[in-house]
Each structure stands twice: as C-alpha cells, then as structure tokens.
Amino acid sequence: MGGVSIELPWPAKELSPNARTHFHAKARIAKAYREQAYWTAKAHPLPMPDEGGIALRIEFFPPDARKRDLDNMLASVKAAIDGIADAHGINDSRFGFWIGRNPPVKNGKVVFSLDFGTAA
C-alpha cells in the first residue's frame, strides 16, 4: 500500500453544476483547474500498480458556512480528479470515492488523498 495527499484551492463557482455559466467560459476554467491538479499531483509522484482499485478520499473545506450538497461539491472537482489521474497515468475509473465535508477555512480548499490496495 502507498499513498499521497494533494491540496488544491476551492473550485471556482463556475464549476458548480448549479452555475449558469456559458460552456466556453466553464471549459476554460475547468481546463485551468485540471492543469493545476495535474501539476500539483506531478509534484507528488506515486508509483501506481497496474491493476486494482485506488481509494480517492476527497475532503472539502469550504470557504464559508453556506450549505452545499456533497454531490455538487464532487461534481465541481471533476476536472481536478481527471488531472490527478492524468498525472499518475491511470484511468479514473479505478477510483473508489470517499467524500467528506469539514468546517470552513479561509478561502476554502480541497484535499485529495490517494491510497491503492484499499479500494474495490
């Protein structure tokens, strides 16, 4: 087993599935968030096994105390999940998810923890 944690900033509001953002603008923002996740994950190399599940724990630390649905928060970080998978050279279909909500922190953040050998 092995693991690594990657911290990213809170996703832009345009990445929320509830946002009414023009698709061109949303695509630009998603691409930038994906690239940020890619380069952050590349800075934390982790040799991945050729097969088997990979546990991806996603902990949300919102920027304020507004109510947010966990499923919408997960959808907001899809680009980051794709960037992390790209950086490690794996198909994101291997991820088994655990998501959690934490108390707010200034500016918000999302912490992704990968661990292989524990996901189905």
C-alpha atoms as a PDB file:
ATOM      1  CA  MET A   1       0.000   0.000   0.000  1.00  0.00           C
ATOM      2  CA  GLY A   2       1.060   3.576  -0.568  1.00  0.00           C
ATOM      3  CA  GLY A   3      -0.481   6.998  -0.563  1.00  0.00           C
ATOM      4  CA  VAL A   4      -0.141  10.707  -1.135  1.00  0.00           C
ATOM      5  CA  SER A   5      -2.205  13.826  -0.369  1.00  0.00           C
ATOM      6  CA  ILE A   6      -2.710  16.717  -2.757  1.00  0.00           C
ATOM      7  CA  GLU A   7      -4.186  20.060  -1.694  1.00  0.00           C
ATOM      8  CA  LEU A   8      -5.941  22.303  -4.198  1.00  0.00           C
ATOM      9  CA  PRO A   9      -7.795  25.581  -3.822  1.00  0.00           C
ATOM     10  CA  TRP A  10     -11.567  25.636  -3.608  1.00  0.00           C
ATOM     11  CA  PRO A  11     -13.017  25.200  -7.127  1.00  0.00           C
ATOM     12  CA  ALA A  12     -14.336  28.244  -8.949  1.00  0.00           C
ATOM     13  CA  LYS A  13     -18.081  28.778  -8.598  1.00  0.00           C
ATOM     14  CA  GLU A  14     -18.411  28.339 -12.366  1.00  0.00           C
ATOM     15  CA  LEU A  15     -17.549  24.635 -11.941  1.00  0.00           C
ATOM     16  CA  SER A  16     -20.636  24.000  -9.827  1.00  0.00           C
ATOM     17  CA  PRO A  17     -23.371  22.060 -11.632  1.00  0.00           C
ATOM     18  CA  ASN A  18     -25.780  24.748 -10.393  1.00  0.00           C
ATOM     19  CA  ALA A  19     -23.855  27.548 -12.118  1.00  0.00           C
ATOM     20  CA  ARG A  20     -25.344  29.067 -15.241  1.00  0.00           C
ATOM     21  CA  THR A  21     -22.042  29.691 -16.967  1.00  0.00           C
ATOM     22  CA  HIS A  22     -21.540  29.769 -20.722  1.00  0.00           C
ATOM     23  CA  PHE A  23     -19.926  26.493 -21.761  1.00  0.00           C
ATOM     24  CA  HIS A  24     -16.890  28.218 -23.303  1.00  0.00           C
ATOM     25  CA  ALA A  25     -16.141  30.054 -20.061  1.00  0.00           C
ATOM     26  CA  LYS A  26     -16.727  26.915 -17.984  1.00  0.00           C
ATOM     27  CA  ALA A  27     -14.443  24.881 -20.276  1.00  0.00           C
ATOM     28  CA  ARG A  28     -11.612  27.404 -19.826  1.00  0.00           C
ATOM     29  CA  ILE A  29     -11.987  27.369 -16.043  1.00  0.00           C
ATOM     30  CA  ALA A  30     -12.221  23.561 -15.920  1.00  0.00           C
ATOM     31  CA  LYS A  31      -9.090  23.236 -18.069  1.00  0.00           C
ATOM     32  CA  ALA A  32      -7.146  25.541 -15.755  1.00  0.00           C
ATOM     33  CA  TYR A  33      -8.274  23.628 -12.635  1.00  0.00           C
ATOM     34  CA  ARG A  34      -7.408  20.308 -14.307  1.00  0.00           C
ATOM     35  CA  GLU A  35      -3.927  21.597 -15.200  1.00  0.00           C
ATOM     36  CA  GLN A  36      -3.400  22.876 -11.669  1.00  0.00           C
ATOM     37  CA  ALA A  37      -4.358  19.458 -10.300  1.00  0.00           C
ATOM     38  CA  TYR A  38      -2.105  17.743 -12.840  1.00  0.00           C
ATOM     39  CA  TRP A  39       0.988  19.767 -11.932  1.00  0.00           C
ATOM     40  CA  THR A  40       0.293  19.533  -8.198  1.00  0.00           C
ATOM     41  CA  ALA A  41      -0.056  15.746  -8.472  1.00  0.00           C
ATOM     42  CA  LYS A  42       3.083  15.528 -10.650  1.00  0.00           C
ATOM     43  CA  ALA A  43       4.996  17.195  -7.804  1.00  0.00           C
ATOM     44  CA  HIS A  44       3.929  14.266  -5.577  1.00  0.00           C
ATOM     45  CA  PRO A  45       4.865  11.190  -7.624  1.00  0.00           C
ATOM     46  CA  LEU A  46       3.377   7.912  -6.551  1.00  0.00           C
ATOM     47  CA  PRO A  47       4.066   4.629  -8.344  1.00  0.00           C
ATOM     48  CA  MET A  48       0.686   3.172  -9.236  1.00  0.00           C
ATOM     49  CA  PRO A  49       0.013  -0.547  -9.523  1.00  0.00           C
ATOM     50  CA  ASP A  50      -1.010  -1.782 -12.964  1.00  0.00           C
ATOM     51  CA  GLU A  51      -4.362  -3.033 -11.732  1.00  0.00           C
ATOM     52  CA  GLY A  52      -6.723  -2.895  -8.797  1.00  0.00           C
ATOM     53  CA  GLY A  53      -8.683  -0.177  -7.128  1.00  0.00           C
ATOM     54  CA  ILE A  54      -7.364   3.118  -5.862  1.00  0.00           C
ATOM     55  CA  ALA A  55      -9.061   4.818  -2.937  1.00  0.00           C
ATOM     56  CA  LEU A  56      -9.557   8.537  -3.527  1.00  0.00           C
ATOM     57  CA  ARG A  57     -10.541  10.401  -0.407  1.00  0.00           C
ATOM     58  CA  ILE A  58     -11.780  13.924  -1.085  1.00  0.00           C
ATOM     59  CA  GLU A  59     -12.128  16.279   1.856  1.00  0.00           C
ATOM     60  CA  PHE A  60     -13.884  19.588   1.280  1.00  0.00           C
ATOM     61  CA  PHE A  61     -13.060  22.618   3.419  1.00  0.00           C
ATOM     62  CA  PRO A  62     -15.490  25.283   2.143  1.00  0.00           C
ATOM     63  CA  PRO A  63     -14.644  28.983   2.197  1.00  0.00           C
ATOM     64  CA  ASP A  64     -17.757  29.840   4.218  1.00  0.00           C
ATOM     65  CA  ALA A  65     -20.618  28.261   6.152  1.00  0.00           C
ATOM     66  CA  ARG A  66     -23.167  28.225   3.287  1.00  0.00           C
ATOM     67  CA  LYS A  67     -24.982  24.939   2.833  1.00  0.00           C
ATOM     68  CA  ARG A  68     -23.615  22.865  -0.046  1.00  0.00           C
ATOM     69  CA  ASP A  69     -24.577  19.428  -1.306  1.00  0.00           C
ATOM     70  CA  LEU A  70     -21.751  16.887  -1.296  1.00  0.00           C
ATOM     71  CA  ASP A  71     -22.776  15.606  -4.729  1.00  0.00           C
ATOM     72  CA  ASN A  72     -22.452  19.114  -6.184  1.00  0.00           C
ATOM     73  CA  MET A  73     -19.090  19.600  -4.488  1.00  0.00           C
ATOM     74  CA  LEU A  74     -17.911  16.314  -6.012  1.00  0.00           C
ATOM     75  CA  ALA A  75     -19.101  17.408  -9.465  1.00  0.00           C
ATOM     76  CA  SER A  76     -17.215  20.710  -9.010  1.00  0.00           C
ATOM     77  CA  VAL A  77     -13.888  18.881  -8.683  1.00  0.00           C
ATOM     78  CA  LYS A  78     -14.315  16.515 -11.648  1.00  0.00           C
ATOM     79  CA  ALA A  79     -11.657  18.402 -13.616  1.00  0.00           C
ATOM     80  CA  ALA A  80      -9.240  18.035 -10.697  1.00  0.00           C
ATOM     81  CA  ILE A  81      -9.915  14.301 -10.444  1.00  0.00           C
ATOM     82  CA  ASP A  82      -9.168  13.971 -14.156  1.00  0.00           C
ATOM     83  CA  GLY A  83      -5.945  15.966 -13.752  1.00  0.00           C
ATOM     84  CA  ILE A  84      -4.791  13.777 -10.860  1.00  0.00           C
ATOM     85  CA  ALA A  85      -5.500  10.629 -12.891  1.00  0.00           C
ATOM     86  CA  ASP A  86      -3.607  12.097 -15.862  1.00  0.00           C
ATOM     87  CA  ALA A  87      -0.602  12.949 -13.693  1.00  0.00           C
ATOM     88  CA  HIS A  88      -0.372   9.389 -12.379  1.00  0.00           C
ATOM     89  CA  GLY A  89      -1.055   7.790 -15.751  1.00  0.00           C
ATOM     90  CA  ILE A  90      -4.168   5.920 -14.663  1.00  0.00           C
ATOM     91  CA  ASN A  91      -7.779   5.663 -15.744  1.00  0.00           C
ATOM     92  CA  ASP A  92     -10.014   7.438 -13.230  1.00  0.00           C
ATOM     93  CA  SER A  93     -12.476   4.519 -13.438  1.00  0.00           C
ATOM     94  CA  ARG A  94     -10.161   2.791 -10.950  1.00  0.00           C
ATOM     95  CA  PHE A  95     -11.005   5.315  -8.235  1.00  0.00           C
ATOM     96  CA  GLY A  96     -13.269   4.384  -5.359  1.00  0.00           C
ATOM     97  CA  PHE A  97     -14.505   7.586  -3.694  1.00  0.00           C
ATOM     98  CA  TRP A  98     -14.868   8.684  -0.115  1.00  0.00           C
ATOM     99  CA  ILE A  99     -16.027  12.258   0.281  1.00  0.00           C
ATOM    100  CA  GLY A 100     -16.304  14.356   3.396  1.00  0.00           C
ATOM    101  CA  ARG A 101     -17.251  17.832   4.487  1.00  0.00           C
ATOM    102  CA  ASN A 102     -15.156  19.750   7.018  1.00  0.00           C
ATOM    103  CA  PRO A 103     -15.526  23.086   8.784  1.00  0.00           C
ATOM    104  CA  PRO A 104     -14.900  26.186   6.665  1.00  0.00           C
ATOM    105  CA  VAL A 105     -11.373  27.567   6.283  1.00  0.00           C
ATOM    106  CA  LYS A 106     -10.297  30.908   4.880  1.00  0.00           C
ATOM    107  CA  ASN A 107     -10.519  30.823   1.038  1.00  0.00           C
ATOM    108  CA  GLY A 108     -11.509  27.125   1.130  1.00  0.00           C
ATOM    109  CA  LYS A 109      -9.547  24.119  -0.082  1.00  0.00           C
ATOM    110  CA  VAL A 110      -9.949  20.537  -1.237  1.00  0.00           C
ATOM    111  CA  VAL A 111      -7.618  17.757  -0.094  1.00  0.00           C
ATOM    112  CA  PHE A 112      -7.322  14.638  -2.263  1.00  0.00           C
ATOM    113  CA  SER A 113      -5.716  11.554  -0.711  1.00  0.00           C
ATOM    114  CA  LEU A 114      -4.847   8.565  -2.883  1.00  0.00           C
ATOM    115  CA  ASP A 115      -4.211   5.119  -1.473  1.00  0.00           C
ATOM    116  CA  PHE A 116      -4.011   1.945  -3.507  1.00  0.00           C
ATOM    117  CA  GLY A 117      -4.770  -1.511  -2.284  1.00  0.00           C
ATOM    118  CA  THR A 118      -7.845  -0.403  -0.306  1.00  0.00           C
ATOM    119  CA  ALA A 119     -10.480   0.370  -2.966  1.00  0.00           C
ATOM    120  CA  ALA A 120     -12.666  -2.165  -4.674  1.00  0.00           C
END
